Amino acid sequence: MADSEESKTSEYPEVTSGPGKSLEIGDRLDPRDDREPRSTEPPQPVILKQGGGAMRGLFWLVAAIGLVVALVLGAKTIGLFPGLKNPFAQEQTDRSGPALLKSVQDLNQFVAAEGNFQVIVDVQKDRKYIPDFLLNERILFVAAGSVEVYVDFSSIGQGAVKESEDRRTAEITLPAPQLRPVRIDNDHSYVYQEERGVFNRIGDAFSSDPNRLQEVYKLAEQKIGDAAKDAGLQKRAEDNTRKMLQQFLGALGYTSVTVNFPAG
């Protein structure tokens, strides 16, 4: 019996948990016990860098592009390369359609005089009993415009031109000079000052009126038109037309040319 127990024990060698230590029942088997002794120093943290190479590559790419742009703009500014065009210059594209000819009209009018005017339009809109800083619209508009005076030769009737048999004397009766519509010069017209109340500015923030100055333009045209009537342009047009016809017919051999206009 003792021999059988001894043979069984020799079949399975004794297992130890470490050098010089036997493994008892209930002990945990650690395969690392046979390795080198563990270090008593605390483990150092491991820092993992993710994407570092990609970020560095992007940085150098942006830096290179910025350097190229700076060199191009600098060379263009100092005139180092006169023939070099700025690749970043602003371009304007005109996609407007071609102009269409709607009608053709023969003009038989002689522009005999032109008057140039300038007027300051001062328009204010406010409400009674409401302070101007709350509700007020005032605009000072400097308007420049011109008015032409013409004589319409196409309206000359039969018998308006009389000449002598020897073609030396001529008498012409013409219609009265007329004023053309006022033309506002946009290049020399501008808003000098504009005042708007608090409520007006709030309303502008929610809605815009692109035709807000249309009323001011119409008022400027009216004032310039009235000034042209009182400026004596029609009398000046009569004198210029008379001189023009006398010189023209005089070159054709007429020695006496009389040009008549309707009275006053």
Protein backbone atom coordinates (compact mmCIF):
# COMPACT_ATOMS: atom_id res chain seq x y z
CA MET A 1 0.00 0.00 0.00
CA ALA A 2 2.82 2.31 0.83
CA ASP A 3 4.47 1.38 -2.45
CA SER A 4 1.38 2.35 -4.47
CA GLU A 5 1.12 5.77 -2.78
CA GLU A 6 4.81 6.32 -3.35
CA SER A 7 4.49 5.46 -7.06
CA LYS A 8 1.56 7.87 -7.53
CA THR A 9 3.50 10.65 -5.89
CA SER A 10 6.47 10.08 -8.12
CA GLU A 11 4.21 10.30 -11.21
CA TYR A 12 3.21 13.91 -10.46
CA PRO A 13 6.12 16.07 -9.40
CA GLU A 14 5.77 18.53 -6.64
CA VAL A 15 4.58 21.94 -7.75
CA THR A 16 5.96 24.98 -6.05
CA SER A 17 4.90 28.60 -6.27
CA GLY A 18 8.42 29.89 -6.20
CA PRO A 19 11.96 29.00 -5.38
CA GLY A 20 12.10 27.17 -2.07
CA LYS A 21 8.34 27.35 -1.53
CA SER A 22 5.86 24.50 -1.79
CA LEU A 23 2.37 24.97 -3.12
CA GLU A 24 -0.32 24.26 -0.62
CA ILE A 25 -3.95 23.46 -1.24
CA GLY A 26 -5.90 26.73 -1.80
CA ASP A 27 -2.87 28.69 -2.98
CA ARG A 28 -3.13 30.60 -6.32
CA LEU A 29 -0.85 29.53 -9.07
CA ASP A 30 1.00 32.58 -10.54
CA PRO A 31 3.06 31.76 -13.61
CA ARG A 32 5.07 34.97 -13.15
CA ASP A 33 6.61 33.70 -9.93
CA ASP A 34 9.38 31.98 -11.87
CA ARG A 35 10.34 35.22 -13.69
CA GLU A 36 12.71 37.91 -12.52
CA PRO A 37 11.85 39.76 -9.32
CA ARG A 38 9.35 42.59 -9.79
CA SER A 39 10.50 46.20 -9.62
CA THR A 40 9.42 48.24 -6.67
CA GLU A 41 9.32 51.51 -8.70
CA PRO A 42 5.85 52.80 -9.64
CA PRO A 43 4.92 52.29 -13.32
CA GLN A 44 5.48 55.29 -15.56
CA PRO A 45 2.44 56.60 -17.45
CA VAL A 46 2.45 55.93 -21.17
CA ILE A 47 1.45 58.92 -23.36
CA LEU A 48 -0.01 58.01 -26.70
CA LYS A 49 0.18 60.68 -29.44
CA GLN A 50 -2.51 60.38 -32.02
CA GLY A 51 -2.48 62.34 -35.29
CA GLY A 52 0.65 64.31 -34.47
CA GLY A 53 2.20 63.72 -37.87
CA ALA A 54 -0.94 64.76 -39.76
CA MET A 55 -1.29 67.99 -37.78
CA ARG A 56 2.34 68.90 -38.37
CA GLY A 57 1.94 68.24 -42.08
CA LEU A 58 -1.18 70.45 -42.27
CA PHE A 59 0.59 73.24 -40.40
CA TRP A 60 3.55 73.25 -42.79
CA LEU A 61 1.22 73.16 -45.79
CA VAL A 62 -0.71 76.24 -44.59
CA ALA A 63 2.56 77.99 -43.77
CA ALA A 64 3.93 77.27 -47.24
CA ILE A 65 0.78 78.60 -48.94
CA GLY A 66 0.87 81.75 -46.82
CA LEU A 67 4.54 82.30 -47.69
CA VAL A 68 3.83 81.97 -51.41
CA VAL A 69 0.92 84.44 -51.22
CA ALA A 70 3.04 86.92 -49.27
CA LEU A 71 5.89 86.68 -51.78
CA VAL A 72 3.56 87.18 -54.77
CA LEU A 73 1.79 90.18 -53.25
CA GLY A 74 5.06 91.69 -52.08
CA ALA A 75 6.67 91.38 -55.49
CA LYS A 76 3.59 92.91 -57.11
CA THR A 77 3.57 95.83 -54.65
CA ILE A 78 7.22 96.81 -55.06
CA GLY A 79 7.10 96.31 -58.82
CA LEU A 80 9.66 93.56 -58.89
CA PHE A 81 7.85 91.83 -61.74
CA PRO A 82 5.93 94.50 -63.75
CA GLY A 83 4.39 91.92 -66.08
CA LEU A 84 3.14 89.75 -63.22
CA LYS A 85 -0.62 89.86 -62.76
CA ASN A 86 -2.14 89.60 -59.33
CA PRO A 87 -3.77 86.14 -59.22
CA PHE A 88 -5.94 87.26 -56.30
CA ALA A 89 -7.25 90.43 -57.95
CA GLN A 90 -11.00 91.02 -57.83
CA GLU A 91 -12.81 90.29 -61.07
CA GLN A 92 -16.12 91.75 -62.20
CA THR A 93 -18.36 89.86 -64.60
CA ASP A 94 -21.01 91.70 -66.59
CA ARG A 95 -23.84 89.36 -67.56
CA SER A 96 -26.18 92.08 -68.81
CA GLY A 97 -27.98 91.49 -72.06
CA PRO A 98 -27.46 93.58 -75.20
CA ALA A 99 -29.38 96.83 -75.68
CA LEU A 100 -32.49 96.56 -77.84
CA LEU A 101 -33.43 99.25 -80.32
CA LYS A 102 -37.10 100.00 -79.66
CA SER A 103 -37.68 102.85 -82.09
CA VAL A 104 -36.01 105.46 -84.29
CA GLN A 105 -37.25 109.02 -84.45
CA ASP A 106 -35.97 111.80 -86.69
CA LEU A 107 -35.37 114.99 -84.74
CA ASN A 108 -36.15 118.32 -86.37
CA GLN A 109 -35.37 120.32 -83.29
CA PHE A 110 -32.71 122.94 -82.83
CA VAL A 111 -31.38 123.18 -79.28
CA ALA A 112 -30.94 126.91 -78.95
CA ALA A 113 -30.02 127.25 -75.25
CA GLU A 114 -29.30 125.23 -72.13
CA GLY A 115 -29.38 126.22 -68.49
CA ASN A 116 -27.52 124.49 -65.65
CA PHE A 117 -29.00 124.76 -62.18
CA GLN A 118 -28.33 123.69 -58.63
CA VAL A 119 -30.92 123.59 -55.87
CA ILE A 120 -30.92 122.48 -52.22
CA VAL A 121 -34.03 120.50 -51.35
CA ASP A 122 -34.88 120.53 -47.64
CA VAL A 123 -37.76 118.18 -46.83
CA GLN A 124 -38.91 117.32 -43.31
CA LYS A 125 -41.69 114.97 -42.17
CA ASP A 126 -42.63 114.93 -38.50
CA ARG A 127 -45.65 114.46 -36.27
CA LYS A 128 -47.25 117.08 -34.10
CA TYR A 129 -46.67 116.72 -30.34
CA ILE A 130 -44.05 113.99 -30.95
CA PRO A 131 -40.37 114.90 -30.34
CA ASP A 132 -38.18 114.88 -33.41
CA PHE A 133 -35.68 112.46 -31.86
CA LEU A 134 -38.47 109.85 -31.73
CA LEU A 135 -40.25 110.34 -35.04
CA ASN A 136 -38.71 112.58 -37.65
CA GLU A 137 -37.56 112.47 -41.26
CA ARG A 138 -35.48 115.31 -42.65
CA ILE A 139 -33.21 115.30 -45.67
CA LEU A 140 -31.01 117.93 -47.27
CA PHE A 141 -30.45 117.05 -50.90
CA VAL A 142 -28.16 119.00 -53.23
CA ALA A 143 -29.51 118.54 -56.76
CA ALA A 144 -27.75 119.55 -59.97
CA GLY A 145 -29.64 119.53 -63.23
CA SER A 146 -29.97 121.07 -66.66
CA VAL A 147 -32.76 122.21 -68.95
CA GLU A 148 -32.54 122.52 -72.73
CA VAL A 149 -34.59 124.95 -74.80
CA TYR A 150 -35.34 123.97 -78.38
CA VAL A 151 -37.18 125.20 -81.45
CA ASP A 152 -39.26 122.62 -83.32
CA PHE A 153 -38.79 123.14 -87.06
CA SER A 154 -41.11 120.26 -87.90
CA SER A 155 -44.12 122.31 -86.81
CA ILE A 156 -43.46 125.08 -89.30
CA GLY A 157 -46.64 125.48 -91.39
CA GLN A 158 -47.20 126.49 -94.96
CA GLY A 159 -46.43 130.13 -95.59
CA ALA A 160 -44.06 130.36 -92.64
CA VAL A 161 -41.14 131.10 -95.00
CA LYS A 162 -41.36 134.06 -97.35
CA GLU A 163 -38.65 135.15 -99.76
CA SER A 164 -38.29 137.83 -102.39
CA GLU A 165 -38.23 137.13 -106.09
CA ASP A 166 -34.55 137.93 -106.31
CA ARG A 167 -33.85 135.51 -103.44
CA ARG A 168 -32.14 138.20 -101.46
CA THR A 169 -34.66 138.72 -98.70
CA ALA A 170 -36.30 136.09 -96.46
CA GLU A 171 -38.77 136.23 -93.63
CA ILE A 172 -39.33 133.18 -91.38
CA THR A 173 -41.96 132.70 -88.68
CA LEU A 174 -41.09 130.05 -86.10
CA PRO A 175 -42.96 128.56 -83.15
CA ALA A 176 -42.04 129.61 -79.66
CA PRO A 177 -39.09 127.84 -78.03
CA GLN A 178 -40.00 125.06 -75.62
CA LEU A 179 -38.37 123.68 -72.49
CA ARG A 180 -37.36 120.06 -72.38
CA PRO A 181 -37.82 118.00 -69.20
CA VAL A 182 -35.29 118.55 -66.46
CA ARG A 183 -32.33 116.21 -66.41
CA ILE A 184 -30.85 115.54 -62.98
CA ASP A 185 -27.08 115.08 -62.98
CA ASN A 186 -26.55 112.10 -60.68
CA ASP A 187 -22.78 112.55 -60.65
CA HIS A 188 -23.12 115.97 -59.02
CA SER A 189 -26.23 115.37 -56.91
CA TYR A 190 -25.90 114.01 -53.38
CA VAL A 191 -27.51 113.80 -49.95
CA TYR A 192 -25.85 116.47 -47.81
CA GLN A 193 -27.52 115.57 -44.51
CA GLU A 194 -30.19 113.18 -43.30
CA GLU A 195 -31.91 113.01 -39.92
CA ARG A 196 -34.14 110.16 -38.80
CA GLY A 197 -35.84 109.54 -35.48
CA VAL A 198 -35.50 106.44 -33.33
CA PHE A 199 -38.75 104.91 -34.56
CA ASN A 200 -37.81 105.66 -38.17
CA ARG A 201 -34.50 103.85 -37.77
CA ILE A 202 -36.23 100.88 -36.16
CA GLY A 203 -38.60 100.72 -39.10
CA ASP A 204 -35.65 100.82 -41.51
CA ALA A 205 -34.18 97.78 -39.76
CA PHE A 206 -37.26 95.68 -40.62
CA SER A 207 -38.12 97.11 -44.04
CA SER A 208 -36.27 99.05 -46.71
CA ASP A 209 -37.68 101.53 -49.20
CA PRO A 210 -35.51 101.67 -52.33
CA ASN A 211 -37.66 104.53 -53.71
CA ARG A 212 -37.29 106.67 -50.60
CA LEU A 213 -35.43 109.38 -52.54
CA GLN A 214 -37.81 109.35 -55.48
CA GLU A 215 -39.98 112.06 -53.94
CA VAL A 216 -36.90 114.21 -53.32
CA TYR A 217 -35.81 113.82 -56.94
CA LYS A 218 -39.24 114.83 -58.21
CA LEU A 219 -39.26 117.89 -55.99
CA ALA A 220 -35.80 118.85 -57.26
CA GLU A 221 -36.98 118.52 -60.88
CA GLN A 222 -39.96 120.73 -60.16
CA LYS A 223 -37.84 123.44 -58.55
CA ILE A 224 -35.27 123.41 -61.36
CA GLY A 225 -38.05 123.53 -63.97
CA ASP A 226 -39.62 126.57 -62.29
CA ALA A 227 -36.23 128.25 -62.14
CA ALA A 228 -35.66 127.60 -65.84
CA LYS A 229 -38.92 129.36 -66.73
CA ASP A 230 -37.87 132.44 -64.81
CA ALA A 231 -34.28 132.45 -66.08
CA GLY A 232 -35.07 133.95 -69.49
CA LEU A 233 -33.93 130.87 -71.39
CA GLN A 234 -36.69 131.19 -73.99
CA LYS A 235 -35.61 134.71 -74.90
CA ARG A 236 -32.02 133.51 -75.15
CA ALA A 237 -33.18 130.65 -77.41
CA GLU A 238 -34.95 133.09 -79.73
CA ASP A 239 -31.82 135.21 -80.10
CA ASN A 240 -29.58 132.17 -80.73
CA THR A 241 -31.99 130.73 -83.32
CA ARG A 242 -32.23 134.07 -85.12
CA LYS A 243 -28.43 134.34 -85.32
CA MET A 244 -28.07 130.79 -86.57
CA LEU A 245 -30.56 131.24 -89.42
CA GLN A 246 -29.14 134.60 -90.45
CA GLN A 247 -25.64 133.12 -90.71
CA PHE A 248 -26.89 130.03 -92.55
CA LEU A 249 -29.05 131.87 -95.10
CA GLY A 250 -26.45 134.59 -95.46
CA ALA A 251 -23.99 131.96 -96.65
CA LEU A 252 -26.57 131.00 -99.33
CA GLY A 253 -26.67 134.56 -100.69
CA TYR A 254 -29.49 136.16 -98.69
CA THR A 255 -28.67 139.69 -97.64
CA SER A 256 -31.63 140.23 -95.31
CA VAL A 257 -33.11 137.54 -93.03
CA THR A 258 -35.93 138.23 -90.58
CA VAL A 259 -36.93 135.63 -87.99
CA ASN A 260 -40.19 136.14 -86.10
CA PHE A 261 -41.49 134.38 -82.96
CA PRO A 262 -44.96 134.58 -81.38
CA ALA A 263 -45.32 137.49 -79.00
CA GLY A 264 -44.79 136.84 -75.29
